[in-house]
Amino acid sequence: ATAPLAAEEPPQPQEKPPPRLEEPPQPPPPLAPYTLEDTLSESDIFEDTFAIILYDPPEDKFVALYNKHSRWKTMNKKLWMTMQYLAYMLRRIFPERFTPDSPELALAVASGDYAHVRKGGLPREGAAPVFMFGSAFRDPAMYSSMIPMPMPEPHHLYCLEEWMSHGRVCKAMSAAMSTEGGELVFGE
C-alpha cells in the first residue's frame, strides 16, 4: 500500500544574487589645448571626407576648410550636411560662445560610413580632436584623438537636431502605429 503524500509547500525559487553591475564608464578627460596648426595637421592622414570648421568672430560666421590634396567624393555630401548641422547646433546650444567678441574656434570634422584614413598612419595619437560623424574605430588606441559622433543620417544626427530644436521625436524614430497591446510599431 502506498501512503498518501502530505501536502507540501511548493518549492520556493532560490533567490539569485543581483546581477553584478559593471563600473559606470568614466567621463573622458578634458581635451588638451590645441592650435589651428594642430587641427590642420590632422588632415594629413585622411584621404577624403575631412574638413575643418572654423568660427570667424569678426565675420560672425562658420567657414569650412577642405584640403585641396584630398580626393573629392560623393560622400562629401554627408560631410557638408554634418558641418551645417554642427554649426547650427553649436550656435543654438552656446549662443554666448559665438559672438563677434569671441575667440576663434577650429574643429576637425570627418564623416562617412568609416574613417577614410591612410592605413599607414595608424595607430595615431593626434594633436587635435577629430569629431568623427560616422563609424569610428572600435579600439580607441587606433586613433586616440578621434571622438565618435552621431551618424549623419536620419536616425542619428538629424533626429538629434530635431529633438534639440523642437523638443520632439523625429519622424524617422516615431512610431508608425500602436497595437492593441500598446506595443509600438516602427516603420522602415
N, C-alpha and C. Protein backbone atom coordinates (compact mmCIF):
# COMPACT_ATOMS: atom_id res chain seq x y z
N ALA A 1 0.84 -1.17 0.00
CA ALA A 1 0.00 0.00 0.00
C ALA A 1 0.89 1.23 0.00
N THR A 2 0.38 2.21 -0.61
CA THR A 2 1.13 3.45 -0.65
C THR A 2 0.49 4.45 0.27
N ALA A 3 1.34 5.24 0.88
CA ALA A 3 0.85 6.27 1.79
C ALA A 3 0.52 7.52 1.01
N PRO A 4 -0.56 8.19 1.40
CA PRO A 4 -0.86 9.44 0.70
C PRO A 4 0.24 10.46 0.95
N LEU A 5 0.49 11.28 -0.07
CA LEU A 5 1.51 12.32 0.05
C LEU A 5 0.98 13.45 0.90
N ALA A 6 1.81 13.91 1.77
CA ALA A 6 1.42 15.04 2.61
C ALA A 6 1.46 16.31 1.76
N ALA A 7 0.55 17.18 2.03
CA ALA A 7 0.54 18.46 1.30
C ALA A 7 1.79 19.24 1.69
N GLU A 8 2.56 19.58 0.71
CA GLU A 8 3.78 20.33 0.97
C GLU A 8 3.67 21.71 0.34
N GLU A 9 4.43 22.59 0.90
CA GLU A 9 4.52 23.92 0.29
C GLU A 9 5.25 23.77 -1.04
N PRO A 10 4.82 24.49 -2.03
CA PRO A 10 5.57 24.40 -3.29
C PRO A 10 6.99 24.91 -3.06
N PRO A 11 7.93 24.35 -3.78
CA PRO A 11 9.31 24.80 -3.57
C PRO A 11 9.44 26.29 -3.91
N GLN A 12 10.16 26.97 -3.07
CA GLN A 12 10.39 28.40 -3.29
C GLN A 12 11.56 28.57 -4.25
N PRO A 13 11.41 29.47 -5.20
CA PRO A 13 12.56 29.69 -6.08
C PRO A 13 13.71 30.26 -5.26
N GLN A 14 14.88 29.74 -5.54
CA GLN A 14 16.04 30.25 -4.82
C GLN A 14 16.35 31.65 -5.32
N GLU A 15 16.62 32.51 -4.36
CA GLU A 15 16.93 33.88 -4.75
C GLU A 15 18.29 33.92 -5.41
N LYS A 16 18.32 34.54 -6.57
CA LYS A 16 19.58 34.70 -7.27
C LYS A 16 20.22 35.99 -6.80
N PRO A 17 21.51 35.98 -6.68
CA PRO A 17 22.15 37.25 -6.32
C PRO A 17 21.90 38.27 -7.43
N PRO A 18 21.78 39.53 -7.07
CA PRO A 18 21.55 40.52 -8.11
C PRO A 18 22.70 40.51 -9.11
N PRO A 19 22.39 40.81 -10.38
CA PRO A 19 23.47 40.80 -11.37
C PRO A 19 24.54 41.83 -10.99
N ARG A 20 25.74 41.46 -11.25
CA ARG A 20 26.86 42.35 -10.93
C ARG A 20 26.91 43.47 -11.95
N LEU A 21 26.81 44.65 -11.46
CA LEU A 21 26.85 45.79 -12.36
C LEU A 21 28.29 46.18 -12.61
N GLU A 22 28.54 46.49 -13.86
CA GLU A 22 29.88 46.96 -14.18
C GLU A 22 30.02 48.38 -13.67
N GLU A 23 31.25 48.76 -13.47
CA GLU A 23 31.50 50.14 -13.07
C GLU A 23 30.99 51.06 -14.17
N PRO A 24 30.33 52.15 -13.80
CA PRO A 24 29.86 53.06 -14.85
C PRO A 24 31.07 53.64 -15.59
N PRO A 25 30.90 53.88 -16.88
CA PRO A 25 32.03 54.44 -17.62
C PRO A 25 32.42 55.80 -17.07
N GLN A 26 33.69 56.03 -17.02
CA GLN A 26 34.19 57.31 -16.54
C GLN A 26 34.14 58.31 -17.68
N PRO A 27 33.84 59.56 -17.38
CA PRO A 27 33.85 60.56 -18.45
C PRO A 27 35.27 60.70 -18.99
N PRO A 28 35.36 61.02 -20.28
CA PRO A 28 36.70 61.18 -20.84
C PRO A 28 37.39 62.38 -20.21
N PRO A 29 38.70 62.37 -20.23
CA PRO A 29 39.41 63.52 -19.67
C PRO A 29 39.14 64.76 -20.53
N PRO A 30 39.27 65.94 -19.96
CA PRO A 30 39.04 67.14 -20.76
C PRO A 30 40.04 67.21 -21.91
N LEU A 31 39.62 67.85 -22.97
CA LEU A 31 40.50 67.99 -24.12
C LEU A 31 41.68 68.87 -23.77
N ALA A 32 42.83 68.47 -24.22
CA ALA A 32 44.02 69.30 -24.02
C ALA A 32 43.96 70.47 -24.99
N PRO A 33 44.52 71.59 -24.63
CA PRO A 33 44.53 72.72 -25.57
C PRO A 33 45.24 72.33 -26.87
N TYR A 34 44.76 72.86 -27.97
CA TYR A 34 45.37 72.59 -29.28
C TYR A 34 45.28 73.86 -30.12
N THR A 35 46.07 73.90 -31.17
CA THR A 35 46.16 75.09 -32.01
C THR A 35 45.52 74.82 -33.37
N LEU A 36 45.39 75.86 -34.16
CA LEU A 36 44.90 75.71 -35.53
C LEU A 36 45.87 74.83 -36.32
N GLU A 37 47.16 74.98 -36.09
CA GLU A 37 48.15 74.15 -36.79
C GLU A 37 47.97 72.67 -36.42
N ASP A 38 47.68 72.39 -35.14
CA ASP A 38 47.41 71.01 -34.73
C ASP A 38 46.21 70.46 -35.50
N THR A 39 45.18 71.28 -35.62
CA THR A 39 43.97 70.86 -36.31
C THR A 39 44.26 70.60 -37.78
N LEU A 40 45.02 71.50 -38.41
CA LEU A 40 45.38 71.32 -39.82
C LEU A 40 46.20 70.06 -40.03
N SER A 41 47.06 69.72 -39.08
CA SER A 41 47.91 68.54 -39.24
C SER A 41 47.10 67.24 -39.27
N GLU A 42 45.89 67.25 -38.72
CA GLU A 42 45.07 66.04 -38.74
C GLU A 42 44.60 65.70 -40.15
N SER A 43 44.60 66.65 -41.06
CA SER A 43 44.14 66.38 -42.42
C SER A 43 45.10 65.47 -43.17
N ASP A 44 46.36 65.38 -42.74
CA ASP A 44 47.35 64.58 -43.46
C ASP A 44 47.01 63.10 -43.53
N ILE A 45 46.34 62.57 -42.55
CA ILE A 45 46.06 61.13 -42.51
C ILE A 45 44.79 60.77 -43.29
N PHE A 46 43.94 61.74 -43.55
CA PHE A 46 42.67 61.46 -44.23
C PHE A 46 42.82 61.51 -45.74
N GLU A 47 42.20 60.52 -46.41
CA GLU A 47 42.18 60.52 -47.87
C GLU A 47 41.10 61.45 -48.39
N ASP A 48 40.00 61.56 -47.66
CA ASP A 48 38.87 62.40 -48.07
C ASP A 48 37.90 62.51 -46.90
N THR A 49 36.77 63.15 -47.12
CA THR A 49 35.69 63.34 -46.14
C THR A 49 36.19 63.88 -44.81
N PHE A 50 37.10 64.84 -44.87
CA PHE A 50 37.64 65.51 -43.69
C PHE A 50 37.69 67.00 -44.00
N ALA A 51 37.27 67.80 -43.04
CA ALA A 51 37.34 69.26 -43.20
C ALA A 51 37.53 69.88 -41.82
N ILE A 52 37.81 71.14 -41.85
CA ILE A 52 37.92 71.90 -40.60
C ILE A 52 36.83 72.96 -40.63
N ILE A 53 36.06 73.00 -39.56
CA ILE A 53 35.05 74.04 -39.43
C ILE A 53 35.65 75.09 -38.51
N LEU A 54 35.68 76.31 -38.99
CA LEU A 54 36.34 77.39 -38.29
C LEU A 54 35.32 78.49 -38.01
N TYR A 55 35.28 78.94 -36.77
CA TYR A 55 34.43 80.07 -36.43
C TYR A 55 35.26 81.34 -36.58
N ASP A 56 34.78 82.25 -37.41
CA ASP A 56 35.45 83.52 -37.69
C ASP A 56 34.69 84.62 -36.94
N PRO A 57 35.19 85.05 -35.76
CA PRO A 57 34.44 86.03 -34.97
C PRO A 57 34.19 87.38 -35.66
N PRO A 58 35.18 88.00 -36.32
CA PRO A 58 34.88 89.30 -36.94
C PRO A 58 33.73 89.23 -37.95
N GLU A 59 33.65 88.10 -38.66
CA GLU A 59 32.56 87.93 -39.63
C GLU A 59 31.33 87.27 -38.99
N ASP A 60 31.49 86.77 -37.77
CA ASP A 60 30.42 86.07 -37.04
C ASP A 60 29.81 84.96 -37.90
N LYS A 61 30.70 84.12 -38.46
CA LYS A 61 30.21 83.01 -39.28
C LYS A 61 31.17 81.84 -39.21
N PHE A 62 30.66 80.69 -39.57
CA PHE A 62 31.46 79.47 -39.66
C PHE A 62 31.89 79.30 -41.11
N VAL A 63 33.13 78.88 -41.31
CA VAL A 63 33.62 78.58 -42.65
C VAL A 63 34.22 77.18 -42.62
N ALA A 64 34.23 76.53 -43.78
CA ALA A 64 34.78 75.18 -43.90
C ALA A 64 36.07 75.24 -44.70
N LEU A 65 37.07 74.50 -44.23
CA LEU A 65 38.35 74.38 -44.93
C LEU A 65 38.49 72.92 -45.36
N TYR A 66 38.73 72.71 -46.65
CA TYR A 66 38.89 71.35 -47.19
C TYR A 66 40.25 71.27 -47.86
N ASN A 67 41.01 70.24 -47.54
CA ASN A 67 42.36 70.07 -48.07
C ASN A 67 42.31 69.87 -49.59
N LYS A 68 42.99 70.74 -50.33
CA LYS A 68 42.94 70.65 -51.79
C LYS A 68 43.63 69.38 -52.31
N HIS A 69 44.41 68.69 -51.48
CA HIS A 69 45.06 67.45 -51.88
C HIS A 69 44.19 66.23 -51.59
N SER A 70 43.05 66.42 -50.97
CA SER A 70 42.14 65.30 -50.68
C SER A 70 41.28 65.02 -51.90
N ARG A 71 40.91 63.75 -52.03
CA ARG A 71 40.01 63.38 -53.13
C ARG A 71 38.63 63.98 -52.88
N TRP A 72 37.95 64.31 -53.94
CA TRP A 72 36.58 64.79 -53.85
C TRP A 72 35.68 63.60 -54.13
N LYS A 73 34.77 63.30 -53.20
CA LYS A 73 33.91 62.13 -53.34
C LYS A 73 32.46 62.52 -53.12
N THR A 74 31.57 61.67 -53.58
CA THR A 74 30.15 61.92 -53.34
C THR A 74 29.84 61.84 -51.84
N MET A 75 30.68 61.11 -51.08
CA MET A 75 30.47 61.02 -49.63
C MET A 75 30.63 62.38 -48.95
N ASN A 76 31.23 63.32 -49.64
CA ASN A 76 31.40 64.65 -49.04
C ASN A 76 30.06 65.31 -48.76
N LYS A 77 29.00 64.85 -49.42
CA LYS A 77 27.67 65.40 -49.15
C LYS A 77 27.34 65.23 -47.67
N LYS A 78 27.66 64.07 -47.11
CA LYS A 78 27.41 63.84 -45.67
C LYS A 78 28.27 64.78 -44.82
N LEU A 79 29.48 65.02 -45.26
CA LEU A 79 30.38 65.91 -44.53
C LEU A 79 29.82 67.34 -44.52
N TRP A 80 29.37 67.83 -45.66
CA TRP A 80 28.84 69.21 -45.72
C TRP A 80 27.57 69.33 -44.90
N MET A 81 26.69 68.34 -44.98
CA MET A 81 25.46 68.38 -44.17
C MET A 81 25.82 68.34 -42.68
N THR A 82 26.79 67.51 -42.31
CA THR A 82 27.23 67.43 -40.92
C THR A 82 27.70 68.79 -40.43
N MET A 83 28.50 69.47 -41.23
CA MET A 83 29.03 70.76 -40.80
C MET A 83 27.92 71.80 -40.67
N GLN A 84 26.94 71.76 -41.54
CA GLN A 84 25.81 72.69 -41.42
C GLN A 84 25.05 72.45 -40.12
N TYR A 85 24.75 71.19 -39.84
CA TYR A 85 24.05 70.86 -38.60
C TYR A 85 24.89 71.23 -37.38
N LEU A 86 26.19 70.93 -37.44
CA LEU A 86 27.07 71.21 -36.32
C LEU A 86 27.13 72.71 -36.03
N ALA A 87 27.30 73.53 -37.07
CA ALA A 87 27.36 74.98 -36.87
C ALA A 87 26.04 75.49 -36.27
N TYR A 88 24.93 74.99 -36.78
CA TYR A 88 23.62 75.41 -36.27
C TYR A 88 23.47 75.03 -34.80
N MET A 89 23.82 73.77 -34.46
CA MET A 89 23.63 73.30 -33.09
C MET A 89 24.59 73.99 -32.12
N LEU A 90 25.82 74.25 -32.55
CA LEU A 90 26.75 74.96 -31.68
C LEU A 90 26.22 76.35 -31.34
N ARG A 91 25.74 77.06 -32.34
CA ARG A 91 25.17 78.40 -32.09
C ARG A 91 23.95 78.33 -31.18
N ARG A 92 23.15 77.32 -31.40
CA ARG A 92 21.91 77.19 -30.62
C ARG A 92 22.20 76.83 -29.16
N ILE A 93 23.15 75.94 -28.93
CA ILE A 93 23.44 75.49 -27.57
C ILE A 93 24.32 76.49 -26.82
N PHE A 94 25.26 77.11 -27.53
CA PHE A 94 26.22 78.01 -26.89
C PHE A 94 26.18 79.41 -27.53
N PRO A 95 25.06 80.11 -27.48
CA PRO A 95 24.98 81.41 -28.17
C PRO A 95 26.00 82.42 -27.64
N GLU A 96 26.32 82.34 -26.34
CA GLU A 96 27.27 83.29 -25.76
C GLU A 96 28.69 83.04 -26.25
N ARG A 97 28.96 81.84 -26.77
CA ARG A 97 30.32 81.49 -27.23
C ARG A 97 30.60 82.00 -28.64
N PHE A 98 29.55 82.21 -29.43
CA PHE A 98 29.72 82.57 -30.83
C PHE A 98 29.19 83.98 -31.09
N THR A 99 30.04 84.95 -30.77
CA THR A 99 29.74 86.36 -30.97
C THR A 99 30.96 87.01 -31.62
N PRO A 100 30.83 88.21 -32.15
CA PRO A 100 31.99 88.87 -32.76
C PRO A 100 33.14 89.12 -31.77
N ASP A 101 32.86 89.08 -30.48
CA ASP A 101 33.92 89.28 -29.48
C ASP A 101 34.54 87.96 -28.99
N SER A 102 34.07 86.84 -29.49
CA SER A 102 34.55 85.52 -29.05
C SER A 102 35.89 85.18 -29.71
N PRO A 103 36.63 84.26 -29.09
CA PRO A 103 37.85 83.77 -29.76
C PRO A 103 37.48 82.84 -30.91
N GLU A 104 38.44 82.63 -31.80
CA GLU A 104 38.23 81.69 -32.90
C GLU A 104 38.04 80.29 -32.34
N LEU A 105 37.44 79.45 -33.16
CA LEU A 105 37.31 78.04 -32.81
C LEU A 105 37.56 77.24 -34.08
N ALA A 106 38.39 76.22 -33.99
CA ALA A 106 38.65 75.33 -35.11
C ALA A 106 38.38 73.91 -34.67
N LEU A 107 37.54 73.21 -35.42
CA LEU A 107 37.21 71.82 -35.12
C LEU A 107 37.49 70.96 -36.35
N ALA A 108 38.22 69.87 -36.14
CA ALA A 108 38.44 68.90 -37.21
C ALA A 108 37.21 67.99 -37.25
N VAL A 109 36.64 67.84 -38.44
CA VAL A 109 35.42 67.06 -38.60
C VAL A 109 35.62 66.07 -39.74
N ALA A 110 35.27 64.81 -39.48
CA ALA A 110 35.29 63.78 -40.51
C ALA A 110 33.92 63.14 -40.55
N SER A 111 33.60 62.52 -41.67
CA SER A 111 32.28 61.93 -41.81
C SER A 111 32.36 60.77 -42.77
N GLY A 112 31.41 59.87 -42.64
CA GLY A 112 31.33 58.76 -43.58
C GLY A 112 31.01 57.46 -42.89
N ASP A 113 30.80 56.44 -43.71
CA ASP A 113 30.47 55.13 -43.17
C ASP A 113 31.64 54.52 -42.41
N TYR A 114 32.83 54.98 -42.69
CA TYR A 114 34.03 54.57 -41.96
C TYR A 114 35.02 55.72 -42.05
N ALA A 115 36.05 55.67 -41.22
CA ALA A 115 37.07 56.72 -41.22
C ALA A 115 37.97 56.52 -42.44
N HIS A 116 37.96 57.46 -43.34
CA HIS A 116 38.73 57.37 -44.59
C HIS A 116 40.17 57.82 -44.34
N VAL A 117 40.91 57.00 -43.61
CA VAL A 117 42.28 57.36 -43.25
C VAL A 117 43.27 56.47 -43.99
N ARG A 118 44.47 56.99 -44.14
CA ARG A 118 45.55 56.21 -44.73
C ARG A 118 46.02 55.21 -43.67
N LYS A 119 45.94 53.95 -44.01
CA LYS A 119 46.26 52.91 -43.03
C LYS A 119 47.70 52.98 -42.54
N GLY A 120 48.60 53.48 -43.34
CA GLY A 120 49.99 53.59 -42.93
C GLY A 120 50.19 54.58 -41.79
N GLY A 121 49.21 55.42 -41.53
CA GLY A 121 49.33 56.41 -40.46
C GLY A 121 48.77 55.94 -39.13
N LEU A 122 48.34 54.67 -39.07
CA LEU A 122 47.74 54.14 -37.84
C LEU A 122 48.70 53.22 -37.13
N PRO A 123 48.63 53.08 -35.84
CA PRO A 123 47.81 53.87 -34.92
C PRO A 123 48.31 55.31 -34.85
N ARG A 124 47.43 56.20 -34.42
CA ARG A 124 47.75 57.63 -34.40
C ARG A 124 47.31 58.24 -33.07
N GLU A 125 48.16 59.06 -32.55
CA GLU A 125 47.82 59.86 -31.38
C GLU A 125 47.82 61.30 -31.88
N GLY A 126 46.66 61.78 -32.26
CA GLY A 126 46.56 63.10 -32.88
C GLY A 126 46.81 64.24 -31.91
N ALA A 127 47.17 65.38 -32.48
CA ALA A 127 47.42 66.57 -31.68
C ALA A 127 46.13 67.34 -31.37
N ALA A 128 45.12 67.17 -32.22
CA ALA A 128 43.84 67.86 -32.03
C ALA A 128 42.73 66.82 -32.12
N PRO A 129 41.60 67.06 -31.47
CA PRO A 129 40.48 66.11 -31.58
C PRO A 129 39.90 66.12 -32.99
N VAL A 130 39.44 64.96 -33.43
CA VAL A 130 38.75 64.83 -34.70
C VAL A 130 37.37 64.29 -34.39
N PHE A 131 36.34 65.07 -34.68
CA PHE A 131 34.96 64.66 -34.43
C PHE A 131 34.49 63.83 -35.61
N MET A 132 34.35 62.52 -35.40
CA MET A 132 34.01 61.58 -36.47
C MET A 132 32.52 61.32 -36.48
N PHE A 133 31.82 61.95 -37.43
CA PHE A 133 30.39 61.76 -37.62
C PHE A 133 30.20 60.58 -38.57
N GLY A 134 30.23 59.40 -37.99
CA GLY A 134 30.16 58.16 -38.74
C GLY A 134 30.80 57.08 -37.90
N SER A 135 31.16 56.00 -38.53
CA SER A 135 31.78 54.90 -37.78
C SER A 135 33.21 55.24 -37.42
N ALA A 136 33.53 55.06 -36.15
CA ALA A 136 34.89 55.29 -35.66
C ALA A 136 35.49 53.93 -35.33
N PHE A 137 36.76 53.93 -34.99
CA PHE A 137 37.45 52.69 -34.66
C PHE A 137 36.93 52.13 -33.34
N ARG A 138 36.73 50.82 -33.32
CA ARG A 138 36.29 50.16 -32.09
C ARG A 138 37.35 50.29 -31.00
N ASP A 139 38.60 50.18 -31.40
CA ASP A 139 39.71 50.30 -30.46
C ASP A 139 40.18 51.75 -30.46
N PRO A 140 39.92 52.50 -29.38
CA PRO A 140 40.30 53.92 -29.36
C PRO A 140 41.80 54.15 -29.53
N ALA A 141 42.62 53.13 -29.27
CA ALA A 141 44.07 53.29 -29.43
C ALA A 141 44.47 53.43 -30.90
N MET A 142 43.58 53.03 -31.82
CA MET A 142 43.90 53.18 -33.24
C MET A 142 44.05 54.65 -33.63
N TYR A 143 43.21 55.49 -33.02
CA TYR A 143 43.27 56.94 -33.32
C TYR A 143 42.76 57.61 -32.06
N SER A 144 43.65 57.85 -31.14
CA SER A 144 43.26 58.25 -29.79
C SER A 144 42.53 59.58 -29.72
N SER A 145 42.71 60.46 -30.69
CA SER A 145 42.03 61.76 -30.61
C SER A 145 40.74 61.80 -31.44
N MET A 146 40.32 60.64 -31.98
CA MET A 146 39.07 60.58 -32.73
C MET A 146 37.91 60.42 -31.74
N ILE A 147 36.92 61.29 -31.87
CA ILE A 147 35.77 61.28 -30.97
C ILE A 147 34.53 60.86 -31.77
N PRO A 148 33.95 59.70 -31.46
CA PRO A 148 32.76 59.25 -32.20
C PRO A 148 31.58 60.21 -31.97
N MET A 149 30.90 60.51 -33.05
CA MET A 149 29.73 61.40 -33.03
C MET A 149 28.59 60.70 -33.76
N PRO A 150 27.37 61.27 -33.70
CA PRO A 150 26.23 60.62 -34.39
C PRO A 150 26.46 60.49 -35.89
N MET A 151 25.94 59.41 -36.45
CA MET A 151 26.00 59.20 -37.90
C MET A 151 25.21 60.32 -38.59
N PRO A 152 25.68 60.78 -39.75
CA PRO A 152 24.96 61.82 -40.47
C PRO A 152 23.84 61.24 -41.34
N GLU A 153 22.86 60.70 -40.70
CA GLU A 153 21.70 60.15 -41.40
C GLU A 153 20.46 60.33 -40.52
N PRO A 154 19.27 60.11 -41.09
CA PRO A 154 18.04 60.50 -40.39
C PRO A 154 17.84 59.96 -38.98
N HIS A 155 18.31 58.75 -38.65
CA HIS A 155 18.07 58.21 -37.32
C HIS A 155 19.03 58.73 -36.26
N HIS A 156 20.01 59.50 -36.65
CA HIS A 156 21.03 59.89 -35.69
C HIS A 156 21.17 61.41 -35.60
N LEU A 157 22.04 61.99 -36.42
CA LEU A 157 22.33 63.41 -36.33
C LEU A 157 21.10 64.27 -36.56
N TYR A 158 20.32 63.94 -37.55
CA TYR A 158 19.16 64.76 -37.88
C TYR A 158 18.09 64.66 -36.79
N CYS A 159 17.95 63.48 -36.20
CA CYS A 159 17.00 63.34 -35.09
C CYS A 159 17.48 64.10 -33.86
N LEU A 160 18.78 64.12 -33.64
CA LEU A 160 19.33 64.90 -32.53
C LEU A 160 18.97 66.38 -32.70
N GLU A 161 19.12 66.89 -33.90
CA GLU A 161 18.79 68.29 -34.18
C GLU A 161 17.29 68.54 -34.00
N GLU A 162 16.46 67.63 -34.44
CA GLU A 162 15.01 67.77 -34.30
C GLU A 162 14.62 67.86 -32.82
N TRP A 163 15.22 66.99 -32.01
CA TRP A 163 14.92 67.00 -30.58
C TRP A 163 15.41 68.29 -29.95
N MET A 164 16.61 68.71 -30.31
CA MET A 164 17.20 69.91 -29.73
C MET A 164 16.41 71.17 -30.12
N SER A 165 16.04 71.25 -31.39
CA SER A 165 15.36 72.46 -31.89
C SER A 165 13.89 72.53 -31.54
N HIS A 166 13.22 71.37 -31.58
CA HIS A 166 11.76 71.38 -31.46
C HIS A 166 11.22 70.58 -30.28
N GLY A 167 12.11 69.85 -29.57
CA GLY A 167 11.68 69.08 -28.42
C GLY A 167 10.75 67.94 -28.76
N ARG A 168 10.90 67.38 -29.95
CA ARG A 168 10.05 66.26 -30.35
C ARG A 168 10.89 65.18 -31.03
N VAL A 169 10.34 63.99 -31.03
CA VAL A 169 10.99 62.87 -31.67
C VAL A 169 10.82 63.03 -33.18
N CYS A 170 11.89 62.81 -33.92
CA CYS A 170 11.82 62.98 -35.37
C CYS A 170 10.96 61.89 -36.00
N LYS A 171 10.50 62.14 -37.20
CA LYS A 171 9.61 61.22 -37.89
C LYS A 171 10.25 59.84 -38.07
N ALA A 172 11.56 59.82 -38.36
CA ALA A 172 12.23 58.53 -38.58
C ALA A 172 12.20 57.65 -37.33
N MET A 173 12.09 58.25 -36.16
CA MET A 173 12.08 57.48 -34.91
C MET A 173 10.68 57.40 -34.29
N SER A 174 9.71 58.03 -34.88
CA SER A 174 8.35 58.00 -34.35
C SER A 174 7.68 56.67 -34.69
N ALA A 175 6.79 56.25 -33.84
CA ALA A 175 6.07 55.01 -34.08
C ALA A 175 5.15 55.18 -35.28
N ALA A 176 5.14 54.17 -36.15
CA ALA A 176 4.25 54.20 -37.30
C ALA A 176 2.81 53.95 -36.87
N MET A 177 2.65 53.11 -35.81
CA MET A 177 1.32 52.83 -35.28
C MET A 177 1.48 52.18 -33.92
N SER A 178 0.38 52.03 -33.22
CA SER A 178 0.38 51.37 -31.93
C SER A 178 -0.58 50.19 -32.02
N THR A 179 -0.19 49.05 -31.45
CA THR A 179 -1.06 47.86 -31.49
C THR A 179 -2.01 47.87 -30.31
N GLU A 180 -2.95 46.92 -30.30
CA GLU A 180 -3.92 46.83 -29.19
C GLU A 180 -3.23 46.64 -27.85
N GLY A 181 -2.15 45.88 -27.84
CA GLY A 181 -1.44 45.62 -26.60
C GLY A 181 -0.58 46.79 -26.15
N GLY A 182 -0.57 47.85 -26.95
CA GLY A 182 0.19 49.03 -26.57
C GLY A 182 1.62 49.04 -27.08
N GLU A 183 2.01 47.99 -27.82
CA GLU A 183 3.37 48.00 -28.36
C GLU A 183 3.45 48.99 -29.50
N LEU A 184 4.61 49.56 -29.66
CA LEU A 184 4.81 50.50 -30.76
C LEU A 184 5.40 49.76 -31.93
N VAL A 185 4.97 50.12 -33.13
CA VAL A 185 5.46 49.52 -34.36
C VAL A 185 6.16 50.63 -35.13
N PHE A 186 7.41 50.39 -35.47
CA PHE A 186 8.19 51.40 -36.16
C PHE A 186 8.24 51.08 -37.65
N GLY A 187 8.15 52.11 -38.44
CA GLY A 187 8.22 51.96 -39.89
C GLY A 187 9.66 51.84 -40.35
N GLU A 188 9.84 51.57 -41.60
CA GLU A 188 11.19 51.44 -42.17
C GLU A 188 11.69 52.79 -42.60
